[in-house]
Amino acid sequence: MAKKNSIWGQLQSFQLSGFILTNLGYFLFLGFLAILYIGNAHLAERNIRQIQEMQREIREMRWSFMSLQSENMFNSLRSEVVDRVKDDGLQLHRGEPIKIVVHDQE
């Protein structure tokens, strides 16, 4: 009985190897397609990671821009400007502007 099973197994392996050899090109093509599919999946995942990183950087830059813009708006208030130039001896003029006239000395 063991001989029949071993002979039958050898026969099946011979038929299987013959089937593989006759369709070797097809199997190689399927292997190539599988490698392409895996490579494409890795490339797509890498692109998604790069997009997410850039989106995070854009969010951080937007936050930085908004904070700088609000700080600039605060610093440009008239009261803030007056407080900053007070140390230099400048003060806010509350009257009519002084007109300076230059005469030609011909």
N, C-alpha and C. Protein backbone atom coordinates (compact mmCIF):
# COMPACT_ATOMS: atom_id res chain seq x y z
N MET A 1 0.81 -1.20 0.00
CA MET A 1 0.00 0.00 0.00
C MET A 1 0.85 1.25 0.00
N ALA A 2 1.93 1.19 0.77
CA ALA A 2 2.78 2.36 0.85
C ALA A 2 3.41 2.65 -0.50
N LYS A 3 3.68 1.56 -1.29
CA LYS A 3 4.28 1.75 -2.60
C LYS A 3 3.31 2.42 -3.56
N LYS A 4 2.04 2.06 -3.46
CA LYS A 4 1.06 2.68 -4.34
C LYS A 4 0.92 4.18 -4.03
N ASN A 5 0.90 4.48 -2.73
CA ASN A 5 0.80 5.89 -2.35
C ASN A 5 2.03 6.67 -2.78
N SER A 6 3.20 6.08 -2.62
CA SER A 6 4.42 6.80 -3.00
C SER A 6 4.51 6.92 -4.53
N ILE A 7 4.10 5.90 -5.23
CA ILE A 7 4.12 5.97 -6.70
C ILE A 7 3.09 7.00 -7.16
N TRP A 8 1.93 6.94 -6.56
CA TRP A 8 0.87 7.90 -6.92
C TRP A 8 1.32 9.33 -6.60
N GLY A 9 1.99 9.51 -5.48
CA GLY A 9 2.49 10.83 -5.10
C GLY A 9 3.55 11.32 -6.09
N GLN A 10 4.44 10.40 -6.51
CA GLN A 10 5.46 10.78 -7.48
C GLN A 10 4.83 11.13 -8.82
N LEU A 11 3.81 10.39 -9.18
CA LEU A 11 3.13 10.67 -10.44
C LEU A 11 2.45 12.03 -10.40
N GLN A 12 1.83 12.33 -9.29
CA GLN A 12 1.17 13.62 -9.16
C GLN A 12 2.19 14.76 -9.16
N SER A 13 3.32 14.55 -8.48
CA SER A 13 4.34 15.59 -8.46
C SER A 13 4.94 15.77 -9.86
N PHE A 14 5.06 14.67 -10.60
CA PHE A 14 5.58 14.77 -11.97
C PHE A 14 4.59 15.55 -12.84
N GLN A 15 3.31 15.25 -12.69
CA GLN A 15 2.30 15.97 -13.46
C GLN A 15 2.25 17.44 -13.04
N LEU A 16 2.39 17.67 -11.73
CA LEU A 16 2.38 19.04 -11.22
C LEU A 16 3.59 19.82 -11.73
N SER A 17 4.77 19.19 -11.71
CA SER A 17 5.96 19.88 -12.21
C SER A 17 5.84 20.11 -13.71
N GLY A 18 5.24 19.18 -14.42
CA GLY A 18 5.02 19.38 -15.85
C GLY A 18 4.07 20.53 -16.10
N PHE A 19 3.03 20.63 -15.29
CA PHE A 19 2.07 21.72 -15.41
C PHE A 19 2.75 23.06 -15.13
N ILE A 20 3.61 23.08 -14.10
CA ILE A 20 4.32 24.30 -13.75
C ILE A 20 5.27 24.70 -14.88
N LEU A 21 6.00 23.73 -15.43
CA LEU A 21 6.95 24.04 -16.50
C LEU A 21 6.24 24.54 -17.75
N THR A 22 5.10 23.97 -18.07
CA THR A 22 4.40 24.42 -19.28
C THR A 22 3.81 25.82 -19.10
N ASN A 23 3.48 26.18 -17.88
CA ASN A 23 2.87 27.49 -17.61
C ASN A 23 3.83 28.43 -16.88
N LEU A 24 5.12 28.19 -17.04
CA LEU A 24 6.11 28.97 -16.32
C LEU A 24 6.03 30.46 -16.67
N GLY A 25 5.83 30.78 -17.92
CA GLY A 25 5.72 32.18 -18.33
C GLY A 25 4.55 32.88 -17.65
N TYR A 26 3.44 32.17 -17.57
CA TYR A 26 2.26 32.74 -16.93
C TYR A 26 2.51 32.98 -15.45
N PHE A 27 3.16 32.01 -14.78
CA PHE A 27 3.47 32.17 -13.36
C PHE A 27 4.45 33.31 -13.12
N LEU A 28 5.44 33.45 -14.00
CA LEU A 28 6.38 34.56 -13.87
C LEU A 28 5.66 35.90 -14.06
N PHE A 29 4.74 35.94 -15.02
CA PHE A 29 3.94 37.15 -15.23
C PHE A 29 3.11 37.48 -14.00
N LEU A 30 2.49 36.48 -13.39
CA LEU A 30 1.71 36.70 -12.17
C LEU A 30 2.60 37.18 -11.02
N GLY A 31 3.80 36.62 -10.92
CA GLY A 31 4.75 37.07 -9.90
C GLY A 31 5.16 38.52 -10.12
N PHE A 32 5.40 38.86 -11.39
CA PHE A 32 5.76 40.25 -11.71
C PHE A 32 4.62 41.20 -11.36
N LEU A 33 3.39 40.80 -11.67
CA LEU A 33 2.23 41.63 -11.32
C LEU A 33 2.09 41.78 -9.80
N ALA A 34 2.37 40.72 -9.06
CA ALA A 34 2.30 40.79 -7.60
C ALA A 34 3.34 41.76 -7.06
N ILE A 35 4.54 41.72 -7.60
CA ILE A 35 5.60 42.64 -7.16
C ILE A 35 5.21 44.08 -7.50
N LEU A 36 4.65 44.30 -8.70
CA LEU A 36 4.18 45.64 -9.06
C LEU A 36 3.08 46.12 -8.11
N TYR A 37 2.17 45.24 -7.76
CA TYR A 37 1.06 45.59 -6.87
C TYR A 37 1.58 45.99 -5.49
N ILE A 38 2.53 45.23 -4.97
CA ILE A 38 3.11 45.52 -3.65
C ILE A 38 3.89 46.84 -3.70
N GLY A 39 4.67 47.04 -4.76
CA GLY A 39 5.42 48.28 -4.89
C GLY A 39 4.50 49.48 -5.00
N ASN A 40 3.42 49.34 -5.74
CA ASN A 40 2.46 50.44 -5.88
C ASN A 40 1.81 50.76 -4.54
N ALA A 41 1.50 49.76 -3.75
CA ALA A 41 0.91 49.99 -2.43
C ALA A 41 1.89 50.74 -1.52
N HIS A 42 3.16 50.36 -1.56
CA HIS A 42 4.17 51.06 -0.75
C HIS A 42 4.32 52.51 -1.20
N LEU A 43 4.32 52.73 -2.51
CA LEU A 43 4.44 54.08 -3.03
C LEU A 43 3.25 54.94 -2.61
N ALA A 44 2.05 54.38 -2.67
CA ALA A 44 0.85 55.12 -2.28
C ALA A 44 0.89 55.47 -0.79
N GLU A 45 1.32 54.53 0.04
CA GLU A 45 1.41 54.79 1.48
C GLU A 45 2.44 55.88 1.78
N ARG A 46 3.56 55.86 1.06
CA ARG A 46 4.58 56.88 1.27
C ARG A 46 4.05 58.25 0.86
N ASN A 47 3.32 58.32 -0.26
CA ASN A 47 2.73 59.59 -0.69
C ASN A 47 1.72 60.10 0.32
N ILE A 48 0.92 59.21 0.88
CA ILE A 48 -0.08 59.61 1.88
C ILE A 48 0.62 60.16 3.12
N ARG A 49 1.70 59.52 3.55
CA ARG A 49 2.46 60.01 4.70
C ARG A 49 3.05 61.39 4.43
N GLN A 50 3.57 61.61 3.23
CA GLN A 50 4.12 62.92 2.88
C GLN A 50 3.02 63.98 2.86
N ILE A 51 1.86 63.64 2.33
CA ILE A 51 0.74 64.59 2.30
C ILE A 51 0.32 64.95 3.71
N GLN A 52 0.22 63.97 4.59
CA GLN A 52 -0.17 64.24 5.97
C GLN A 52 0.86 65.12 6.67
N GLU A 53 2.14 64.88 6.42
CA GLU A 53 3.21 65.70 7.02
C GLU A 53 3.11 67.14 6.53
N MET A 54 2.87 67.32 5.23
CA MET A 54 2.74 68.68 4.69
C MET A 54 1.50 69.37 5.24
N GLN A 55 0.42 68.65 5.41
CA GLN A 55 -0.78 69.24 6.00
C GLN A 55 -0.52 69.69 7.43
N ARG A 56 0.23 68.91 8.18
CA ARG A 56 0.58 69.29 9.55
C ARG A 56 1.44 70.55 9.55
N GLU A 57 2.41 70.62 8.64
CA GLU A 57 3.26 71.81 8.55
C GLU A 57 2.45 73.03 8.16
N ILE A 58 1.50 72.87 7.26
CA ILE A 58 0.65 73.99 6.85
C ILE A 58 -0.18 74.48 8.03
N ARG A 59 -0.73 73.54 8.81
CA ARG A 59 -1.49 73.94 10.00
C ARG A 59 -0.62 74.73 10.97
N GLU A 60 0.61 74.25 11.22
CA GLU A 60 1.52 74.95 12.14
C GLU A 60 1.88 76.33 11.60
N MET A 61 2.13 76.44 10.30
CA MET A 61 2.46 77.74 9.72
C MET A 61 1.27 78.69 9.78
N ARG A 62 0.06 78.16 9.59
CA ARG A 62 -1.13 79.00 9.68
C ARG A 62 -1.30 79.53 11.10
N TRP A 63 -1.08 78.65 12.10
CA TRP A 63 -1.17 79.09 13.49
C TRP A 63 -0.12 80.17 13.77
N SER A 64 1.08 79.97 13.28
CA SER A 64 2.15 80.94 13.48
C SER A 64 1.79 82.27 12.81
N PHE A 65 1.27 82.21 11.59
CA PHE A 65 0.87 83.42 10.89
C PHE A 65 -0.22 84.16 11.64
N MET A 66 -1.21 83.44 12.12
CA MET A 66 -2.32 84.08 12.82
C MET A 66 -1.85 84.71 14.13
N SER A 67 -0.95 84.06 14.84
CA SER A 67 -0.46 84.64 16.09
C SER A 67 0.39 85.88 15.81
N LEU A 68 1.23 85.83 14.76
CA LEU A 68 2.03 87.01 14.41
C LEU A 68 1.14 88.15 13.93
N GLN A 69 0.10 87.82 13.19
CA GLN A 69 -0.81 88.85 12.71
C GLN A 69 -1.55 89.52 13.87
N SER A 70 -2.01 88.73 14.83
CA SER A 70 -2.71 89.33 15.97
C SER A 70 -1.75 90.16 16.82
N GLU A 71 -0.51 89.70 16.98
CA GLU A 71 0.49 90.47 17.73
C GLU A 71 0.80 91.78 17.01
N ASN A 72 0.90 91.74 15.70
CA ASN A 72 1.15 92.95 14.92
C ASN A 72 -0.02 93.93 15.03
N MET A 73 -1.23 93.41 14.99
CA MET A 73 -2.41 94.27 15.13
C MET A 73 -2.41 94.95 16.51
N PHE A 74 -2.06 94.20 17.55
CA PHE A 74 -2.02 94.76 18.90
C PHE A 74 -0.93 95.84 19.00
N ASN A 75 0.25 95.54 18.45
CA ASN A 75 1.36 96.49 18.54
C ASN A 75 1.13 97.75 17.71
N SER A 76 0.26 97.70 16.73
CA SER A 76 0.02 98.88 15.90
C SER A 76 -1.12 99.74 16.44
N LEU A 77 -1.69 99.38 17.57
CA LEU A 77 -2.71 100.23 18.19
C LEU A 77 -2.09 101.56 18.60
N ARG A 78 -2.87 102.61 18.52
CA ARG A 78 -2.36 103.94 18.84
C ARG A 78 -1.83 104.03 20.26
N SER A 79 -2.53 103.45 21.21
CA SER A 79 -2.10 103.50 22.60
C SER A 79 -0.78 102.76 22.80
N GLU A 80 -0.58 101.65 22.11
CA GLU A 80 0.68 100.91 22.23
C GLU A 80 1.84 101.71 21.63
N VAL A 81 1.59 102.36 20.50
CA VAL A 81 2.64 103.15 19.87
C VAL A 81 3.03 104.31 20.78
N VAL A 82 2.04 104.98 21.39
CA VAL A 82 2.32 106.09 22.30
C VAL A 82 3.14 105.61 23.48
N ASP A 83 2.79 104.46 24.06
CA ASP A 83 3.55 103.93 25.21
C ASP A 83 4.99 103.60 24.82
N ARG A 84 5.20 103.11 23.62
CA ARG A 84 6.55 102.73 23.21
C ARG A 84 7.45 103.93 22.92
N VAL A 85 6.89 105.01 22.39
CA VAL A 85 7.73 106.16 22.05
C VAL A 85 7.84 107.16 23.19
N LYS A 86 7.11 106.94 24.27
CA LYS A 86 7.17 107.84 25.42
C LYS A 86 8.58 107.87 26.02
N ASP A 87 9.27 106.74 26.04
CA ASP A 87 10.63 106.67 26.58
C ASP A 87 11.62 107.49 25.75
N ASP A 88 11.35 107.68 24.48
CA ASP A 88 12.24 108.45 23.61
C ASP A 88 11.97 109.95 23.68
N GLY A 89 11.00 110.35 24.49
CA GLY A 89 10.70 111.77 24.63
C GLY A 89 9.67 112.26 23.63
N LEU A 90 9.09 111.39 22.88
CA LEU A 90 8.06 111.77 21.92
C LEU A 90 6.71 111.68 22.59
N GLN A 91 5.82 112.56 22.16
CA GLN A 91 4.48 112.50 22.72
C GLN A 91 3.46 112.77 21.61
N LEU A 92 2.25 112.43 21.90
CA LEU A 92 1.17 112.58 20.94
C LEU A 92 0.79 114.05 20.84
N HIS A 93 0.74 114.58 19.63
CA HIS A 93 0.37 115.97 19.41
C HIS A 93 -1.14 116.06 19.29
N ARG A 94 -1.76 116.89 20.12
CA ARG A 94 -3.21 117.01 20.13
C ARG A 94 -3.62 118.42 19.68
N GLY A 95 -3.37 118.75 18.51
CA GLY A 95 -3.74 120.06 17.99
C GLY A 95 -3.61 120.06 16.48
N GLU A 96 -3.61 121.29 15.95
CA GLU A 96 -3.46 121.40 14.51
C GLU A 96 -2.02 121.11 14.14
N PRO A 97 -1.83 120.53 12.99
CA PRO A 97 -0.46 120.29 12.55
C PRO A 97 0.26 121.60 12.27
N ILE A 98 1.54 121.62 12.52
CA ILE A 98 2.37 122.81 12.28
C ILE A 98 2.83 122.79 10.83
N LYS A 99 2.64 123.91 10.15
CA LYS A 99 3.02 124.00 8.76
C LYS A 99 4.43 124.58 8.68
N ILE A 100 5.31 123.91 7.97
CA ILE A 100 6.68 124.37 7.79
C ILE A 100 6.79 124.92 6.38
N VAL A 101 7.21 126.16 6.29
CA VAL A 101 7.35 126.82 5.00
C VAL A 101 8.82 127.11 4.77
N VAL A 102 9.31 126.75 3.62
CA VAL A 102 10.70 127.00 3.25
C VAL A 102 10.69 128.01 2.11
N HIS A 103 11.42 129.14 2.30
CA HIS A 103 11.49 130.18 1.27
C HIS A 103 12.78 130.00 0.48
N ASP A 104 12.67 130.22 -0.79
CA ASP A 104 13.87 130.17 -1.64
C ASP A 104 14.74 131.37 -1.35
N GLN A 105 16.05 131.22 -1.29
CA GLN A 105 16.98 132.33 -1.01
C GLN A 105 17.69 132.76 -2.28
N GLU A 106 16.94 133.20 -3.22
CA GLU A 106 17.53 133.61 -4.48
C GLU A 106 17.98 135.01 -4.45
